[in-house]
Amino acid sequence: MPRTASPSPTVRVRTPRRSSFAMKLRLIAGAGLIAAAVVLVFLEAQVVFLETEVARFWLPVIGAGALDAAIESPVAFLAAPLWVLGGVILAATRVSGRRVCMSVVLSTLLILVTNQLRLGVVAWGAEAAGSAEGYEVALRLGGSVLSILGFSAAYLLFVIVIADLPLFGRRRTPSAGTPAVRWAGEP
């Protein structure tokens, strides 16, 4: 009788199992990240205040236009979806917790830097061309383009780090959860 195509009986694949404690811990950490995103949105006014204070630190002159630009799209509303997505991925998948945290932190930092640059462009435009006209041009053109590019890059960075994509010739880092292939004769 001919044999059908089936896997060789000499190959075993071991998939590591997580303990119930580790699964509960991931679920709690994921829920905590989601809760932190909700708190971040509710504390939006304080986040805008911190954004403008950081902008005041590095910008020599910050006008009302840049402050208005900070109120129009605060980092809290831009980073919260990343935090929620990171919490869901942490709680519901087997992606490494370290990669989830690293992707959330790096993406949030990129959003912060992008928003600070956007505030600088708006402040510069308001000072260079006069407060009303310069503000409108800098906000609508420079600020919007910079925002779209920077925030898209932040979400792309999030996906690259979460998926551990091999970009620019680098090799994938083996995670602790990758299944090991063992032959029947090996211990």
N, C-alpha and C. Protein backbone atom coordinates (compact mmCIF):
# COMPACT_ATOMS: atom_id res chain seq x y z
N MET A 1 0.82 -1.16 0.00
CA MET A 1 0.00 0.00 0.00
C MET A 1 0.89 1.25 0.00
N PRO A 2 0.64 2.20 -0.92
CA PRO A 2 1.49 3.39 -0.97
C PRO A 2 1.21 4.31 0.21
N ARG A 3 2.27 4.92 0.65
CA ARG A 3 2.16 5.86 1.77
C ARG A 3 1.67 7.20 1.27
N THR A 4 0.84 7.83 2.04
CA THR A 4 0.40 9.18 1.71
C THR A 4 1.40 10.18 2.27
N ALA A 5 1.35 11.36 1.72
CA ALA A 5 2.28 12.40 2.19
C ALA A 5 1.90 12.82 3.61
N SER A 6 2.74 12.51 4.52
CA SER A 6 2.53 12.92 5.91
C SER A 6 3.87 13.31 6.50
N PRO A 7 3.86 14.08 7.56
CA PRO A 7 5.13 14.48 8.15
C PRO A 7 5.90 13.28 8.66
N SER A 8 7.19 13.39 8.59
CA SER A 8 8.06 12.31 9.04
C SER A 8 7.88 12.10 10.54
N PRO A 9 7.80 10.85 10.97
CA PRO A 9 7.62 10.61 12.40
C PRO A 9 8.86 10.95 13.22
N THR A 10 9.99 11.21 12.56
CA THR A 10 11.21 11.51 13.30
C THR A 10 11.36 13.00 13.63
N VAL A 11 10.45 13.84 13.16
CA VAL A 11 10.53 15.27 13.42
C VAL A 11 9.48 15.65 14.46
N ARG A 12 9.95 16.31 15.50
CA ARG A 12 9.05 16.82 16.53
C ARG A 12 9.19 18.33 16.60
N VAL A 13 8.09 18.98 16.72
CA VAL A 13 8.11 20.43 16.89
C VAL A 13 7.59 20.74 18.28
N ARG A 14 8.43 21.45 19.03
CA ARG A 14 8.02 21.84 20.37
C ARG A 14 7.65 23.30 20.38
N THR A 15 6.50 23.57 20.85
CA THR A 15 6.05 24.94 21.01
C THR A 15 6.06 25.26 22.49
N PRO A 16 6.79 26.29 22.87
CA PRO A 16 6.81 26.61 24.30
C PRO A 16 5.43 27.05 24.78
N ARG A 17 5.08 26.61 25.95
CA ARG A 17 3.80 27.01 26.54
C ARG A 17 4.06 28.02 27.64
N ARG A 18 3.15 28.92 27.75
CA ARG A 18 3.25 29.92 28.80
C ARG A 18 2.45 29.45 30.00
N SER A 19 2.95 29.78 31.15
CA SER A 19 2.23 29.43 32.36
C SER A 19 0.99 30.31 32.49
N SER A 20 0.05 29.85 33.27
CA SER A 20 -1.17 30.65 33.44
C SER A 20 -0.84 31.96 34.15
N PHE A 21 0.18 31.97 35.01
CA PHE A 21 0.58 33.20 35.68
C PHE A 21 1.11 34.21 34.67
N ALA A 22 1.94 33.74 33.72
CA ALA A 22 2.49 34.63 32.70
C ALA A 22 1.38 35.17 31.81
N MET A 23 0.41 34.35 31.50
CA MET A 23 -0.71 34.80 30.66
C MET A 23 -1.55 35.84 31.40
N LYS A 24 -1.78 35.63 32.70
CA LYS A 24 -2.53 36.60 33.49
C LYS A 24 -1.76 37.91 33.61
N LEU A 25 -0.45 37.79 33.77
CA LEU A 25 0.39 38.98 33.87
C LEU A 25 0.35 39.79 32.57
N ARG A 26 0.40 39.12 31.42
CA ARG A 26 0.30 39.80 30.13
C ARG A 26 -1.06 40.47 29.98
N LEU A 27 -2.11 39.79 30.41
CA LEU A 27 -3.46 40.34 30.33
C LEU A 27 -3.58 41.59 31.20
N ILE A 28 -3.04 41.54 32.39
CA ILE A 28 -3.08 42.69 33.30
C ILE A 28 -2.25 43.84 32.73
N ALA A 29 -1.06 43.54 32.19
CA ALA A 29 -0.22 44.59 31.61
C ALA A 29 -0.89 45.21 30.39
N GLY A 30 -1.53 44.39 29.56
CA GLY A 30 -2.24 44.92 28.40
C GLY A 30 -3.40 45.81 28.81
N ALA A 31 -4.17 45.36 29.81
CA ALA A 31 -5.27 46.18 30.31
C ALA A 31 -4.74 47.48 30.94
N GLY A 32 -3.60 47.40 31.59
CA GLY A 32 -2.99 48.60 32.16
C GLY A 32 -2.56 49.59 31.09
N LEU A 33 -2.05 49.08 29.98
CA LEU A 33 -1.65 49.97 28.89
C LEU A 33 -2.87 50.64 28.25
N ILE A 34 -3.95 49.89 28.13
CA ILE A 34 -5.19 50.46 27.60
C ILE A 34 -5.74 51.51 28.57
N ALA A 35 -5.71 51.21 29.86
CA ALA A 35 -6.17 52.17 30.87
C ALA A 35 -5.31 53.43 30.86
N ALA A 36 -4.01 53.26 30.67
CA ALA A 36 -3.11 54.43 30.60
C ALA A 36 -3.44 55.30 29.39
N ALA A 37 -3.84 54.69 28.30
CA ALA A 37 -4.24 55.46 27.11
C ALA A 37 -5.50 56.26 27.39
N VAL A 38 -6.44 55.67 28.10
CA VAL A 38 -7.68 56.38 28.45
C VAL A 38 -7.37 57.55 29.38
N VAL A 39 -6.50 57.33 30.35
CA VAL A 39 -6.10 58.41 31.27
C VAL A 39 -5.37 59.51 30.50
N LEU A 40 -4.55 59.12 29.55
CA LEU A 40 -3.82 60.10 28.74
C LEU A 40 -4.79 61.02 27.99
N VAL A 41 -5.85 60.45 27.46
CA VAL A 41 -6.84 61.26 26.75
C VAL A 41 -7.59 62.17 27.72
N PHE A 42 -7.93 61.67 28.89
CA PHE A 42 -8.64 62.51 29.86
C PHE A 42 -7.76 63.63 30.41
N LEU A 43 -6.46 63.42 30.43
CA LEU A 43 -5.53 64.44 30.91
C LEU A 43 -4.95 65.26 29.75
N GLU A 44 -5.71 65.40 28.70
CA GLU A 44 -5.27 66.07 27.48
C GLU A 44 -4.81 67.50 27.75
N ALA A 45 -5.49 68.23 28.62
CA ALA A 45 -5.12 69.62 28.91
C ALA A 45 -3.74 69.69 29.56
N GLN A 46 -3.44 68.76 30.44
CA GLN A 46 -2.13 68.75 31.09
C GLN A 46 -1.04 68.36 30.08
N VAL A 47 -1.37 67.47 29.16
CA VAL A 47 -0.41 67.07 28.13
C VAL A 47 -0.10 68.27 27.22
N VAL A 48 -1.12 69.04 26.85
CA VAL A 48 -0.91 70.24 26.03
C VAL A 48 -0.04 71.23 26.79
N PHE A 49 -0.27 71.40 28.07
CA PHE A 49 0.55 72.30 28.88
C PHE A 49 2.02 71.85 28.85
N LEU A 50 2.25 70.55 29.03
CA LEU A 50 3.63 70.04 29.00
C LEU A 50 4.26 70.22 27.62
N GLU A 51 3.47 70.01 26.57
CA GLU A 51 3.98 70.21 25.20
C GLU A 51 4.44 71.65 25.00
N THR A 52 3.62 72.58 25.42
CA THR A 52 3.97 73.99 25.22
C THR A 52 5.15 74.40 26.10
N GLU A 53 5.26 73.83 27.27
CA GLU A 53 6.41 74.14 28.13
C GLU A 53 7.70 73.61 27.52
N VAL A 54 7.66 72.43 26.94
CA VAL A 54 8.84 71.90 26.25
C VAL A 54 9.17 72.77 25.05
N ALA A 55 8.14 73.20 24.31
CA ALA A 55 8.37 74.08 23.16
C ALA A 55 8.95 75.42 23.60
N ARG A 56 8.49 75.94 24.73
CA ARG A 56 9.05 77.21 25.25
C ARG A 56 10.53 77.05 25.60
N PHE A 57 10.91 75.86 26.02
CA PHE A 57 12.30 75.61 26.41
C PHE A 57 13.24 75.72 25.21
N TRP A 58 12.85 75.14 24.06
CA TRP A 58 13.78 75.11 22.93
C TRP A 58 13.50 76.17 21.88
N LEU A 59 12.34 76.78 21.89
CA LEU A 59 12.05 77.86 20.95
C LEU A 59 12.33 79.19 21.62
N PRO A 60 13.08 80.07 20.96
CA PRO A 60 13.39 81.36 21.59
C PRO A 60 12.14 82.21 21.80
N VAL A 61 11.27 82.25 20.82
CA VAL A 61 10.04 83.03 20.92
C VAL A 61 8.90 82.13 20.48
N ILE A 62 7.96 81.91 21.37
CA ILE A 62 6.80 81.12 20.99
C ILE A 62 5.58 82.01 21.14
N GLY A 63 4.88 82.15 20.05
CA GLY A 63 3.72 83.03 20.05
C GLY A 63 2.44 82.26 20.32
N ALA A 64 1.36 83.00 20.31
CA ALA A 64 0.05 82.39 20.56
C ALA A 64 -0.31 81.40 19.47
N GLY A 65 0.20 81.61 18.24
CA GLY A 65 -0.10 80.70 17.14
C GLY A 65 0.40 79.29 17.40
N ALA A 66 1.60 79.18 17.92
CA ALA A 66 2.14 77.85 18.22
C ALA A 66 1.37 77.21 19.36
N LEU A 67 0.94 78.02 20.30
CA LEU A 67 0.14 77.48 21.40
C LEU A 67 -1.21 76.97 20.88
N ASP A 68 -1.80 77.72 19.95
CA ASP A 68 -3.04 77.25 19.34
C ASP A 68 -2.81 75.96 18.57
N ALA A 69 -1.67 75.85 17.91
CA ALA A 69 -1.35 74.64 17.15
C ALA A 69 -1.20 73.44 18.09
N ALA A 70 -0.67 73.68 19.29
CA ALA A 70 -0.55 72.59 20.26
C ALA A 70 -1.91 72.12 20.73
N ILE A 71 -2.85 73.04 20.84
CA ILE A 71 -4.19 72.68 21.30
C ILE A 71 -4.95 71.94 20.22
N GLU A 72 -4.67 72.25 18.94
CA GLU A 72 -5.42 71.63 17.85
C GLU A 72 -5.16 70.14 17.70
N SER A 73 -3.94 69.68 17.90
CA SER A 73 -3.67 68.24 17.79
C SER A 73 -2.64 67.83 18.84
N PRO A 74 -3.11 67.61 20.06
CA PRO A 74 -2.17 67.25 21.13
C PRO A 74 -1.66 65.82 20.98
N VAL A 75 -0.52 65.60 21.55
CA VAL A 75 0.12 64.29 21.52
C VAL A 75 -0.77 63.23 22.17
N ALA A 76 -1.56 63.63 23.14
CA ALA A 76 -2.42 62.66 23.83
C ALA A 76 -3.35 61.95 22.85
N PHE A 77 -3.93 62.68 21.92
CA PHE A 77 -4.85 62.06 20.96
C PHE A 77 -4.11 61.28 19.88
N LEU A 78 -2.85 61.58 19.67
CA LEU A 78 -2.09 60.89 18.64
C LEU A 78 -1.41 59.63 19.17
N ALA A 79 -1.03 59.65 20.44
CA ALA A 79 -0.33 58.50 21.02
C ALA A 79 -1.29 57.47 21.63
N ALA A 80 -2.45 57.90 22.06
CA ALA A 80 -3.39 56.98 22.72
C ALA A 80 -3.77 55.77 21.87
N PRO A 81 -4.04 55.92 20.57
CA PRO A 81 -4.35 54.71 19.78
C PRO A 81 -3.20 53.71 19.74
N LEU A 82 -1.98 54.20 19.73
CA LEU A 82 -0.83 53.29 19.76
C LEU A 82 -0.79 52.52 21.08
N TRP A 83 -1.07 53.21 22.16
CA TRP A 83 -1.05 52.56 23.48
C TRP A 83 -2.15 51.51 23.57
N VAL A 84 -3.34 51.83 23.04
CA VAL A 84 -4.43 50.87 23.06
C VAL A 84 -4.08 49.65 22.21
N LEU A 85 -3.56 49.90 21.02
CA LEU A 85 -3.17 48.80 20.13
C LEU A 85 -2.07 47.95 20.77
N GLY A 86 -1.11 48.60 21.41
CA GLY A 86 -0.06 47.85 22.11
C GLY A 86 -0.62 47.02 23.25
N GLY A 87 -1.59 47.56 23.98
CA GLY A 87 -2.23 46.80 25.06
C GLY A 87 -2.99 45.59 24.55
N VAL A 88 -3.70 45.77 23.45
CA VAL A 88 -4.44 44.63 22.87
C VAL A 88 -3.47 43.57 22.37
N ILE A 89 -2.41 43.99 21.70
CA ILE A 89 -1.42 43.02 21.20
C ILE A 89 -0.75 42.30 22.36
N LEU A 90 -0.44 43.02 23.42
CA LEU A 90 0.21 42.41 24.58
C LEU A 90 -0.71 41.39 25.26
N ALA A 91 -1.98 41.75 25.38
CA ALA A 91 -2.91 40.87 26.09
C ALA A 91 -3.39 39.69 25.26
N ALA A 92 -3.49 39.86 23.95
CA ALA A 92 -4.17 38.86 23.14
C ALA A 92 -3.26 38.03 22.24
N THR A 93 -1.99 38.37 22.14
CA THR A 93 -1.12 37.62 21.23
C THR A 93 0.10 37.11 21.98
N ARG A 94 0.96 36.43 21.24
CA ARG A 94 2.18 35.90 21.82
C ARG A 94 3.40 36.73 21.45
N VAL A 95 3.18 37.95 20.98
CA VAL A 95 4.29 38.83 20.65
C VAL A 95 5.03 39.15 21.94
N SER A 96 6.34 39.20 21.85
CA SER A 96 7.18 39.47 23.01
C SER A 96 6.77 40.78 23.69
N GLY A 97 6.65 40.73 24.99
CA GLY A 97 6.31 41.92 25.77
C GLY A 97 7.35 43.01 25.61
N ARG A 98 8.59 42.62 25.47
CA ARG A 98 9.66 43.59 25.27
C ARG A 98 9.49 44.32 23.94
N ARG A 99 9.12 43.58 22.89
CA ARG A 99 8.91 44.22 21.59
C ARG A 99 7.70 45.15 21.61
N VAL A 100 6.65 44.74 22.31
CA VAL A 100 5.46 45.60 22.41
C VAL A 100 5.82 46.90 23.12
N CYS A 101 6.50 46.79 24.25
CA CYS A 101 6.88 48.00 25.01
C CYS A 101 7.83 48.88 24.21
N MET A 102 8.80 48.26 23.53
CA MET A 102 9.74 49.02 22.74
C MET A 102 9.03 49.74 21.59
N SER A 103 8.08 49.08 20.96
CA SER A 103 7.38 49.72 19.84
C SER A 103 6.52 50.88 20.33
N VAL A 104 5.86 50.72 21.47
CA VAL A 104 5.03 51.80 22.01
C VAL A 104 5.91 52.98 22.42
N VAL A 105 7.01 52.73 23.08
CA VAL A 105 7.89 53.81 23.53
C VAL A 105 8.52 54.55 22.36
N LEU A 106 9.08 53.80 21.40
CA LEU A 106 9.73 54.44 20.26
C LEU A 106 8.74 55.24 19.41
N SER A 107 7.57 54.68 19.19
CA SER A 107 6.55 55.39 18.40
C SER A 107 6.06 56.64 19.12
N THR A 108 5.87 56.55 20.42
CA THR A 108 5.44 57.72 21.19
C THR A 108 6.51 58.80 21.17
N LEU A 109 7.77 58.41 21.28
CA LEU A 109 8.86 59.39 21.20
C LEU A 109 8.90 60.06 19.84
N LEU A 110 8.67 59.29 18.78
CA LEU A 110 8.65 59.88 17.44
C LEU A 110 7.48 60.84 17.29
N ILE A 111 6.35 60.52 17.87
CA ILE A 111 5.20 61.43 17.84
C ILE A 111 5.52 62.71 18.61
N LEU A 112 6.17 62.58 19.77
CA LEU A 112 6.55 63.77 20.55
C LEU A 112 7.50 64.68 19.78
N VAL A 113 8.52 64.08 19.17
CA VAL A 113 9.49 64.86 18.41
C VAL A 113 8.83 65.52 17.21
N THR A 114 7.99 64.77 16.50
CA THR A 114 7.30 65.33 15.34
C THR A 114 6.42 66.51 15.75
N ASN A 115 5.70 66.36 16.83
CA ASN A 115 4.82 67.45 17.26
C ASN A 115 5.63 68.66 17.71
N GLN A 116 6.77 68.45 18.33
CA GLN A 116 7.61 69.59 18.71
C GLN A 116 8.15 70.30 17.46
N LEU A 117 8.55 69.54 16.46
CA LEU A 117 9.00 70.16 15.21
C LEU A 117 7.86 70.92 14.54
N ARG A 118 6.68 70.37 14.59
CA ARG A 118 5.51 71.04 14.02
C ARG A 118 5.26 72.36 14.74
N LEU A 119 5.35 72.36 16.06
CA LEU A 119 5.17 73.60 16.81
C LEU A 119 6.25 74.62 16.45
N GLY A 120 7.47 74.14 16.23
CA GLY A 120 8.55 75.03 15.81
C GLY A 120 8.30 75.64 14.45
N VAL A 121 7.79 74.83 13.51
CA VAL A 121 7.47 75.35 12.17
C VAL A 121 6.37 76.40 12.25
N VAL A 122 5.35 76.15 13.05
CA VAL A 122 4.25 77.10 13.19
C VAL A 122 4.75 78.40 13.85
N ALA A 123 5.56 78.27 14.89
CA ALA A 123 6.09 79.47 15.56
C ALA A 123 6.99 80.26 14.61
N TRP A 124 7.82 79.56 13.86
CA TRP A 124 8.70 80.23 12.91
C TRP A 124 7.89 80.94 11.83
N GLY A 125 6.86 80.28 11.30
CA GLY A 125 6.02 80.89 10.28
C GLY A 125 5.28 82.10 10.79
N ALA A 126 4.80 82.02 12.02
CA ALA A 126 4.09 83.15 12.61
C ALA A 126 5.03 84.34 12.82
N GLU A 127 6.27 84.08 13.19
CA GLU A 127 7.23 85.16 13.41
C GLU A 127 7.77 85.70 12.09
N ALA A 128 7.97 84.84 11.11
CA ALA A 128 8.59 85.27 9.85
C ALA A 128 7.64 86.07 8.97
N ALA A 129 6.38 85.68 8.89
CA ALA A 129 5.46 86.32 7.95
C ALA A 129 4.38 87.13 8.63
N GLY A 130 4.51 87.34 9.88
CA GLY A 130 3.46 88.06 10.59
C GLY A 130 2.53 87.07 11.26
N SER A 131 1.95 87.46 12.35
CA SER A 131 1.25 86.49 13.18
C SER A 131 0.04 85.85 12.51
N ALA A 132 -0.83 86.58 11.86
CA ALA A 132 -2.05 85.98 11.30
C ALA A 132 -1.77 85.19 10.03
N GLU A 133 -1.11 85.81 9.05
CA GLU A 133 -0.85 85.14 7.78
C GLU A 133 0.17 84.03 7.94
N GLY A 134 1.23 84.31 8.64
CA GLY A 134 2.28 83.31 8.84
C GLY A 134 1.79 82.09 9.58
N TYR A 135 0.94 82.33 10.57
CA TYR A 135 0.38 81.21 11.32
C TYR A 135 -0.45 80.30 10.41
N GLU A 136 -1.31 80.89 9.61
CA GLU A 136 -2.17 80.10 8.73
C GLU A 136 -1.36 79.30 7.72
N VAL A 137 -0.40 79.95 7.08
CA VAL A 137 0.42 79.26 6.08
C VAL A 137 1.25 78.16 6.72
N ALA A 138 1.91 78.48 7.82
CA ALA A 138 2.76 77.49 8.48
C ALA A 138 1.94 76.33 9.03
N LEU A 139 0.78 76.62 9.59
CA LEU A 139 -0.05 75.55 10.15
C LEU A 139 -0.63 74.68 9.05
N ARG A 140 -1.18 75.28 8.04
CA ARG A 140 -1.86 74.52 7.00
C ARG A 140 -0.90 73.78 6.09
N LEU A 141 0.22 74.39 5.75
CA LEU A 141 1.14 73.74 4.83
C LEU A 141 2.24 72.98 5.57
N GLY A 142 3.11 73.71 6.22
CA GLY A 142 4.26 73.07 6.88
C GLY A 142 3.87 72.14 8.00
N GLY A 143 3.00 72.61 8.88
CA GLY A 143 2.61 71.79 10.02
C GLY A 143 1.85 70.54 9.62
N SER A 144 0.96 70.68 8.64
CA SER A 144 0.17 69.52 8.22
C SER A 144 1.02 68.48 7.52
N VAL A 145 1.89 68.93 6.62
CA VAL A 145 2.76 67.99 5.91
C VAL A 145 3.69 67.28 6.89
N LEU A 146 4.28 68.05 7.78
CA LEU A 146 5.18 67.46 8.78
C LEU A 146 4.43 66.48 9.68
N SER A 147 3.22 66.83 10.06
CA SER A 147 2.41 65.94 10.89
C SER A 147 2.12 64.63 10.19
N ILE A 148 1.67 64.70 8.97
CA ILE A 148 1.33 63.49 8.23
C ILE A 148 2.55 62.59 8.08
N LEU A 149 3.67 63.17 7.71
CA LEU A 149 4.89 62.37 7.54
C LEU A 149 5.37 61.77 8.86
N GLY A 150 5.42 62.59 9.89
CA GLY A 150 5.93 62.12 11.18
C GLY A 150 5.05 61.09 11.84
N PHE A 151 3.75 61.32 11.82
CA PHE A 151 2.84 60.38 12.49
C PHE A 151 2.71 59.09 11.70
N SER A 152 2.78 59.17 10.38
CA SER A 152 2.79 57.95 9.57
C SER A 152 4.06 57.14 9.86
N ALA A 153 5.17 57.84 9.99
CA ALA A 153 6.43 57.17 10.32
C ALA A 153 6.35 56.51 11.70
N ALA A 154 5.66 57.15 12.65
CA ALA A 154 5.53 56.57 13.99
C ALA A 154 4.72 55.28 13.94
N TYR A 155 3.63 55.28 13.19
CA TYR A 155 2.83 54.06 13.10
C TYR A 155 3.57 52.98 12.32
N LEU A 156 4.33 53.37 11.31
CA LEU A 156 5.14 52.40 10.57
C LEU A 156 6.22 51.82 11.48
N LEU A 157 6.85 52.64 12.29
CA LEU A 157 7.85 52.17 13.24
C LEU A 157 7.23 51.18 14.23
N PHE A 158 6.02 51.48 14.66
CA PHE A 158 5.30 50.57 15.56
C PHE A 158 5.16 49.19 14.94
N VAL A 159 4.74 49.14 13.69
CA VAL A 159 4.55 47.86 13.00
C VAL A 159 5.88 47.15 12.78
N ILE A 160 6.90 47.90 12.40
CA ILE A 160 8.21 47.30 12.14
C ILE A 160 8.77 46.65 13.40
N VAL A 161 8.67 47.34 14.52
CA VAL A 161 9.22 46.79 15.76
C VAL A 161 8.38 45.61 16.27
N ILE A 162 7.05 45.74 16.21
CA ILE A 162 6.17 44.65 16.66
C ILE A 162 6.41 43.39 15.84
N ALA A 163 6.48 43.55 14.51
CA ALA A 163 6.61 42.39 13.63
C ALA A 163 8.04 41.93 13.49
N ASP A 164 8.99 42.68 14.01
CA ASP A 164 10.42 42.37 13.90
C ASP A 164 10.79 42.14 12.44
N LEU A 165 10.42 43.11 11.61
CA LEU A 165 10.66 43.01 10.18
C LEU A 165 12.14 43.19 9.86
N PRO A 166 12.68 42.36 8.99
CA PRO A 166 14.09 42.50 8.62
C PRO A 166 14.28 43.59 7.57
N LEU A 167 14.57 44.80 8.03
CA LEU A 167 14.77 45.92 7.12
C LEU A 167 16.24 46.24 6.97
N PHE A 168 16.59 46.77 5.82
CA PHE A 168 17.92 47.27 5.53
C PHE A 168 19.01 46.21 5.75
N GLY A 169 18.70 44.97 5.42
CA GLY A 169 19.69 43.91 5.48
C GLY A 169 19.95 43.32 6.84
N ARG A 170 19.24 43.78 7.87
CA ARG A 170 19.48 43.19 9.19
C ARG A 170 18.72 41.88 9.30
N ARG A 171 19.21 41.03 10.13
CA ARG A 171 18.58 39.73 10.32
C ARG A 171 17.58 39.80 11.46
N ARG A 172 16.59 38.93 11.38
CA ARG A 172 15.59 38.88 12.45
C ARG A 172 16.23 38.36 13.72
N THR A 173 15.81 38.92 14.82
CA THR A 173 16.30 38.44 16.10
C THR A 173 15.43 37.28 16.54
N PRO A 174 16.03 36.15 16.86
CA PRO A 174 15.20 35.02 17.29
C PRO A 174 14.58 35.32 18.64
N SER A 175 13.29 35.13 18.72
CA SER A 175 12.62 35.37 20.00
C SER A 175 12.63 34.11 20.83
N ALA A 176 12.36 34.26 22.09
CA ALA A 176 12.36 33.11 23.00
C ALA A 176 11.21 32.16 22.70
N GLY A 177 10.20 32.66 22.01
CA GLY A 177 9.02 31.83 21.76
C GLY A 177 9.04 31.11 20.43
N THR A 178 10.14 31.16 19.68
CA THR A 178 10.16 30.46 18.40
C THR A 178 10.23 28.96 18.65
N PRO A 179 9.45 28.20 17.88
CA PRO A 179 9.45 26.76 18.10
C PRO A 179 10.78 26.14 17.66
N ALA A 180 11.21 25.19 18.42
CA ALA A 180 12.46 24.49 18.11
C ALA A 180 12.13 23.20 17.38
N VAL A 181 12.91 22.88 16.37
CA VAL A 181 12.74 21.62 15.64
C VAL A 181 13.76 20.65 16.18
N ARG A 182 13.31 19.51 16.59
CA ARG A 182 14.21 18.51 17.13
C ARG A 182 14.02 17.21 16.36
N TRP A 183 15.10 16.53 16.18
CA TRP A 183 15.06 15.22 15.53
C TRP A 183 14.88 14.16 16.61
N ALA A 184 14.32 13.04 16.21
CA ALA A 184 14.00 12.00 17.18
C ALA A 184 15.21 11.49 17.93
N GLY A 185 16.38 11.48 17.29
CA GLY A 185 17.58 10.96 17.94
C GLY A 185 18.22 11.94 18.90
N GLU A 186 17.83 13.20 18.88
CA GLU A 186 18.43 14.20 19.77
C GLU A 186 17.77 14.20 21.14
N PRO A 187 18.53 14.52 22.16
CA PRO A 187 17.94 14.57 23.52
C PRO A 187 17.11 15.81 23.71
